[in-house]
Every structure is written in structure tokens, then in C-alpha cells.
């Protein structure tokens, strides 16, 4: 299979997202020992706190059984393969980068599920007592990737210059 022009860069970006995501999680779990720290204020609107997410986005579809855990791993694997194929064929740079962000995040969260049985979430945004859900770098990459995909879709098929490289 011949890769579309933005595919190589996008696959490298996906790998970089994966590596940085896993490095932060390893640091949070084993170096900083976030589990024993509780909620750690970092900025007036940002704290670190360890949450084990056994579900999908926003903690939906919580899976407490081994069957549920491994079913979500299968979904991660299938989705990651499909996204990799899509990246290889994608000609729009914005969409290819969006897919790379999604892929890097999905693989990072999928590995968490394999290694720990749940996704490691640690970032909490808040405004006073009003809190948002706890997330990680992989989640942020996935959200940014979806936004870029939507941008690419709304923008159209792209210019002839972008398609040619």
C-alpha cells in the first residue's frame, strides 16, 4: 500500500502522542506516586488527581468485569487498525493530523486498559468548586483530533496543492 503524502508525518505524530502520553502516566503512577498524593493543586484552575476510568469517554459504559475490559481492548484495536488504514489513504493534511491525534490517544488509552485494567486519568480542570471531568493527554489529543477531522470535513476536499503534497 502506498502512503498518501501526509501519512508518514501523521504516523510519526501518532507515535509521539503515544510515547508522551505513556511517559506522563508512568511518571504520575510510579515516580510522583499520584495515588498516594490525593488531589494536588498545580494552578488556580488545574489539579492533578488519579482516577481509574473503566469506561469510555466521560466515564460512560463503566466495565467492572474482565469481559467488559477485554471487549473495550478489542474495540481499541479494531478502531486503531481502521484509523491507521484511513491515515494511509487520507490526502488532506488537517484530516490526517486529526486522525494521528486520535490514533495516538486511542493506542495510549488502549495500552492502559491492557496494563492496568483501566485508563489512567489525572488532569482536572476546575473553576472554584465547579469541576470538569478528569482526563489525560490521550483524551485531549482525541478531542483535538476530532476537531481537526470536523474542520477537514467542513473545509471540503482541499486544494490541488494540498493533495499533491
Protein backbone atom coordinates (compact mmCIF):
# COMPACT_ATOMS: atom_id res chain seq x y z
CA UNK A 1 0.00 0.00 0.00
CA UNK A 2 1.37 3.40 -0.98
CA UNK A 3 1.05 6.02 1.72
CA UNK A 4 -0.62 9.35 0.95
CA UNK A 5 1.81 12.31 1.34
CA UNK A 6 0.79 13.36 4.87
CA UNK A 7 0.65 9.77 6.18
CA UNK A 8 4.30 9.37 7.25
CA UNK A 9 4.27 12.58 9.26
CA UNK A 10 0.91 11.67 10.77
CA UNK A 11 2.07 8.21 11.84
CA UNK A 12 5.13 9.78 13.49
CA UNK A 13 2.83 12.26 15.27
CA UNK A 14 0.63 9.38 16.49
CA UNK A 15 3.72 7.61 17.84
CA UNK A 16 4.88 10.81 19.57
CA UNK A 17 1.47 11.33 21.21
CA UNK A 18 1.52 7.71 22.39
CA UNK A 19 5.05 7.97 23.86
CA UNK A 20 4.47 11.29 25.64
CA UNK A 21 1.09 10.09 26.98
CA UNK A 22 2.62 6.91 28.38
CA UNK A 23 5.62 8.78 29.82
CA UNK A 24 3.32 11.16 31.73
CA UNK A 25 1.25 8.23 33.05
CA UNK A 26 4.34 6.30 34.17
CA UNK A 27 5.64 9.43 35.90
CA UNK A 28 2.27 10.08 37.60
CA UNK A 29 1.90 6.47 38.78
CA UNK A 30 5.41 5.39 39.67
CA UNK A 31 7.59 8.48 40.14
CA UNK A 32 5.22 11.11 41.57
CA UNK A 33 3.03 8.37 43.10
CA UNK A 34 -0.17 10.30 42.44
CA UNK A 35 -2.24 7.55 44.08
CA UNK A 36 -0.82 8.45 47.50
CA UNK A 37 -0.82 12.21 46.89
CA UNK A 38 -4.58 12.75 46.61
CA UNK A 39 -5.64 15.92 44.81
CA UNK A 40 -2.58 18.09 44.08
CA UNK A 41 -3.15 21.77 43.18
CA UNK A 42 -0.93 22.88 40.28
CA UNK A 43 -2.59 26.08 39.03
CA UNK A 44 -5.66 28.00 40.22
CA UNK A 45 -7.73 26.11 37.61
CA UNK A 46 -5.76 22.85 37.29
CA UNK A 47 -5.12 19.98 39.72
CA UNK A 48 -3.63 16.51 39.46
CA UNK A 49 -5.75 13.65 40.78
CA UNK A 50 -5.69 9.93 39.96
CA UNK A 51 -8.87 8.41 38.56
CA UNK A 52 -9.10 4.89 37.09
CA UNK A 53 -11.56 5.11 34.19
CA UNK A 54 -13.02 1.68 33.44
CA UNK A 55 -15.42 3.11 30.88
CA UNK A 56 -15.15 5.14 27.73
CA UNK A 57 -15.31 8.92 27.26
CA UNK A 58 -16.67 10.85 30.25
CA UNK A 59 -16.73 7.59 32.24
CA UNK A 60 -19.65 6.20 30.23
CA UNK A 61 -20.19 2.43 29.94
CA UNK A 62 -18.18 1.52 33.05
CA UNK A 63 -16.80 -2.04 32.75
CA UNK A 64 -16.07 -3.79 36.02
CA UNK A 65 -15.75 -7.30 34.57
CA UNK A 66 -12.83 -8.86 32.72
CA UNK A 67 -15.13 -9.47 29.77
CA UNK A 68 -16.00 -5.76 29.59
CA UNK A 69 -12.36 -4.76 29.92
CA UNK A 70 -11.21 -7.02 27.10
CA UNK A 71 -14.20 -6.09 24.93
CA UNK A 72 -13.07 -2.46 25.15
CA UNK A 73 -9.50 -3.56 24.31
CA UNK A 74 -10.84 -5.25 21.16
CA UNK A 75 -12.71 -2.07 20.25
CA UNK A 76 -9.45 -0.09 20.71
CA UNK A 77 -7.53 -2.50 18.49
CA UNK A 78 -10.14 -2.57 15.71
CA UNK A 79 -10.54 1.22 15.78
CA UNK A 80 -6.76 1.73 15.75
CA UNK A 81 -6.34 -0.52 12.71
CA UNK A 82 -9.17 1.25 10.88
CA UNK A 83 -7.72 4.69 11.71
CA UNK A 84 -4.25 3.61 10.55
CA UNK A 85 -5.69 2.50 7.19
CA UNK A 86 -7.60 5.77 6.95
CA UNK A 87 -4.40 7.74 7.64
CA UNK A 88 -2.59 5.81 4.91
CA UNK A 89 -5.26 6.86 2.40
CA UNK A 90 -6.02 10.38 3.63
CA UNK A 91 -4.89 13.18 1.34
CA UNK A 92 -5.96 16.19 3.42
CA UNK A 93 -3.26 17.30 5.84
CA UNK A 94 -5.66 18.60 8.52
CA UNK A 95 -7.67 15.38 8.49
CA UNK A 96 -4.52 13.24 8.52
CA UNK A 97 -3.16 15.12 11.54
CA UNK A 98 -6.54 14.84 13.25
CA UNK A 99 -6.55 11.09 12.68
CA UNK A 100 -2.98 10.88 14.03
CA UNK A 101 -4.02 12.62 17.24
CA UNK A 102 -6.96 10.23 17.60
CA UNK A 103 -4.77 7.20 16.88
CA UNK A 104 -2.03 8.19 19.34
CA UNK A 105 -4.61 8.80 22.05
CA UNK A 106 -6.56 5.61 21.34
CA UNK A 107 -3.44 3.45 21.44
CA UNK A 108 -2.28 5.12 24.68
CA UNK A 109 -5.61 4.57 26.41
CA UNK A 110 -5.86 1.06 24.98
CA UNK A 111 -2.46 0.14 26.43
CA UNK A 112 -3.60 1.44 29.83
CA UNK A 113 -6.58 -0.90 29.68
CA UNK A 114 -4.28 -3.84 28.89
CA UNK A 115 -1.67 -3.00 31.55
CA UNK A 116 -3.84 -1.69 34.39
CA UNK A 117 -7.39 -2.78 33.59
CA UNK A 118 -8.47 0.86 33.29
CA UNK A 119 -7.39 4.13 31.73
CA UNK A 120 -5.17 6.38 33.86
CA UNK A 121 -6.77 9.84 34.11
CA UNK A 122 -5.02 12.57 36.08
CA UNK A 123 -5.83 16.10 34.83
CA UNK A 124 -8.64 18.04 36.49
CA UNK A 125 -9.73 21.46 35.23
CA UNK A 126 -11.91 23.45 37.61
CA UNK A 127 -13.20 26.90 38.41
CA UNK A 128 -13.54 27.09 42.17
CA UNK A 129 -15.80 24.21 43.17
CA UNK A 130 -17.03 23.68 39.61
CA UNK A 131 -15.07 20.78 38.10
CA UNK A 132 -14.83 19.24 34.68
CA UNK A 133 -14.20 15.54 34.19
CA UNK A 134 -10.72 14.12 34.87
CA UNK A 135 -8.79 13.34 31.67
CA UNK A 136 -5.31 12.65 30.30
CA UNK A 137 -3.13 13.70 27.36
CA UNK A 138 -4.54 10.91 25.19
CA UNK A 139 -8.07 12.20 25.80
CA UNK A 140 -7.02 15.76 24.92
CA UNK A 141 -5.35 14.51 21.72
CA UNK A 142 -8.51 12.61 20.75
CA UNK A 143 -10.69 15.71 21.26
CA UNK A 144 -8.27 17.88 19.25
CA UNK A 145 -8.15 15.19 16.56
CA UNK A 146 -11.93 15.08 16.25
CA UNK A 147 -11.97 18.90 15.96
CA UNK A 148 -9.40 18.72 13.12
CA UNK A 149 -11.39 15.99 11.39
CA UNK A 150 -14.51 18.13 11.57
CA UNK A 151 -12.53 21.09 10.26
CA UNK A 152 -11.25 18.99 7.35
CA UNK A 153 -14.74 17.70 6.58
CA UNK A 154 -16.28 21.18 6.69
CA UNK A 155 -13.45 22.60 4.60
CA UNK A 156 -14.07 20.16 1.78
CA UNK A 157 -11.75 18.05 -0.30
CA UNK A 158 -8.84 20.51 -0.08
CA UNK A 159 -6.89 22.32 -2.72
CA UNK A 160 -4.95 20.72 -5.55
CA UNK A 161 -1.73 21.94 -3.90
CA UNK A 162 -2.50 20.20 -0.61
CA UNK A 163 -3.48 16.95 -2.35
CA UNK A 164 -0.24 16.90 -4.33
CA UNK A 165 2.00 17.33 -1.31
